């Protein structure tokens, strides 16, 4: 999945939407995460959270490259609205047109946009 954020380029109307089913947090069992946790009581908020926010912004950057580009970024992880750190992700996004929708509303909007 990370290769998409880091190495994929689809300019203009080639890419119209990006769906992220889960926020891109590193695994808590990752050796680097474990080592950081032994050295820093707040390692998750100092390292894991900022890295996941950066990767999410990179995914949004694949969608919007120029001022004339348009598209939809769907973040399908409920933690954006159920956890306090969700606001950190939402505030980091380049667009301030952010809506919370049900899956049925998303499907209806995407269908209407393709008509």
Protein backbone atom coordinates (compact mmCIF):
# COMPACT_ATOMS: atom_id res chain seq x y z
CA UNK A 1 0.00 0.00 0.00
CA UNK A 2 2.78 2.45 0.80
CA UNK A 3 4.06 2.23 -2.78
CA UNK A 4 0.87 4.03 -3.86
CA UNK A 5 1.56 6.97 -1.57
CA UNK A 6 5.22 7.18 -2.45
CA UNK A 7 5.59 6.26 -6.10
CA UNK A 8 2.36 6.62 -8.06
CA UNK A 9 1.69 9.55 -10.38
CA UNK A 10 -1.61 9.91 -12.25
CA UNK A 11 -1.91 13.54 -13.32
CA UNK A 12 -5.10 15.36 -14.28
CA UNK A 13 -8.32 13.42 -14.71
CA UNK A 14 -6.53 10.05 -14.72
CA UNK A 15 -7.23 9.70 -11.02
CA UNK A 16 -10.61 10.88 -9.72
CA UNK A 17 -10.75 9.26 -6.30
CA UNK A 18 -8.69 7.74 -3.53
CA UNK A 19 -10.19 5.47 -0.88
CA UNK A 20 -8.25 4.79 2.31
CA UNK A 21 -9.99 2.02 4.27
CA UNK A 22 -7.72 2.26 7.34
CA UNK A 23 -5.48 4.99 8.65
CA UNK A 24 -1.87 4.08 7.82
CA UNK A 25 -0.51 3.54 11.32
CA UNK A 26 2.60 1.41 11.68
CA UNK A 27 2.14 -1.90 13.44
CA UNK A 28 2.75 -1.68 17.20
CA UNK A 29 4.94 -4.79 16.87
CA UNK A 30 7.22 -3.08 14.33
CA UNK A 31 10.78 -3.21 15.75
CA UNK A 32 11.31 0.54 15.32
CA UNK A 33 8.00 1.30 17.07
CA UNK A 34 8.92 -1.05 19.91
CA UNK A 35 12.32 0.54 20.36
CA UNK A 36 10.85 4.04 20.36
CA UNK A 37 8.29 2.98 22.96
CA UNK A 38 11.04 1.79 25.29
CA UNK A 39 12.78 5.17 25.05
CA UNK A 40 9.78 7.52 24.95
CA UNK A 41 6.54 7.19 26.93
CA UNK A 42 4.77 9.26 24.27
CA UNK A 43 6.35 7.55 21.25
CA UNK A 44 2.99 6.94 19.59
CA UNK A 45 2.03 10.62 19.57
CA UNK A 46 5.59 11.75 18.78
CA UNK A 47 6.27 9.31 15.91
CA UNK A 48 3.42 7.01 14.83
CA UNK A 49 0.67 9.64 14.68
CA UNK A 50 2.71 12.24 12.71
CA UNK A 51 3.92 9.56 10.28
CA UNK A 52 0.37 8.31 9.65
CA UNK A 53 -0.84 11.89 9.10
CA UNK A 54 1.99 12.51 6.63
CA UNK A 55 1.19 9.33 4.69
CA UNK A 56 -2.49 10.31 4.52
CA UNK A 57 -1.52 13.73 3.17
CA UNK A 58 0.68 12.03 0.57
CA UNK A 59 -2.30 9.95 -0.56
CA UNK A 60 -4.35 13.14 -0.93
CA UNK A 61 -1.45 14.60 -2.89
CA UNK A 62 -1.75 11.80 -5.44
CA UNK A 63 -5.29 12.99 -6.13
CA UNK A 64 -4.79 16.75 -6.25
CA UNK A 65 -1.62 17.79 -8.11
CA UNK A 66 -2.70 21.09 -9.67
CA UNK A 67 -5.25 23.78 -8.81
CA UNK A 68 -7.43 22.52 -11.68
CA UNK A 69 -7.52 18.90 -10.44
CA UNK A 70 -10.69 17.58 -8.83
CA UNK A 71 -11.43 14.39 -7.00
CA UNK A 72 -12.73 12.67 -3.91
CA UNK A 73 -10.69 11.40 -0.99
CA UNK A 74 -12.63 8.88 1.09
CA UNK A 75 -11.23 8.11 4.51
CA UNK A 76 -13.27 5.13 5.64
CA UNK A 77 -11.78 4.69 9.11
CA UNK A 78 -14.31 5.46 11.89
CA UNK A 79 -11.48 6.48 14.19
CA UNK A 80 -11.48 9.84 12.38
CA UNK A 81 -14.68 10.70 14.20
CA UNK A 82 -14.50 8.44 17.26
CA UNK A 83 -10.97 9.19 18.46
CA UNK A 84 -9.51 12.52 19.50
CA UNK A 85 -6.58 12.14 17.11
CA UNK A 86 -9.01 12.04 14.17
CA UNK A 87 -9.08 15.83 14.23
CA UNK A 88 -5.32 15.89 13.66
CA UNK A 89 -5.83 14.02 10.38
CA UNK A 90 -8.76 16.15 9.26
CA UNK A 91 -6.99 19.45 10.02
CA UNK A 92 -3.97 18.31 8.02
CA UNK A 93 -5.87 17.83 4.77
CA UNK A 94 -5.51 20.46 2.04
CA UNK A 95 -9.28 20.75 1.53
CA UNK A 96 -11.59 22.13 4.16
CA UNK A 97 -14.64 20.67 2.39
CA UNK A 98 -14.93 17.68 4.69
CA UNK A 99 -18.16 15.77 5.19
CA UNK A 100 -19.05 12.79 7.36
CA UNK A 101 -21.23 10.38 5.36
CA UNK A 102 -22.67 6.92 5.63
CA UNK A 103 -21.63 4.30 3.08
CA UNK A 104 -25.03 4.64 1.38
CA UNK A 105 -24.56 8.40 1.04
CA UNK A 106 -21.10 7.91 -0.44
CA UNK A 107 -22.40 5.40 -2.99
CA UNK A 108 -25.26 7.72 -3.98
CA UNK A 109 -22.94 10.71 -4.39
CA UNK A 110 -20.42 8.78 -6.45
CA UNK A 111 -23.21 7.42 -8.67
CA UNK A 112 -24.63 10.92 -9.17
CA UNK A 113 -21.18 12.28 -10.04
CA UNK A 114 -20.78 9.67 -12.78
CA UNK A 115 -24.11 10.41 -14.46
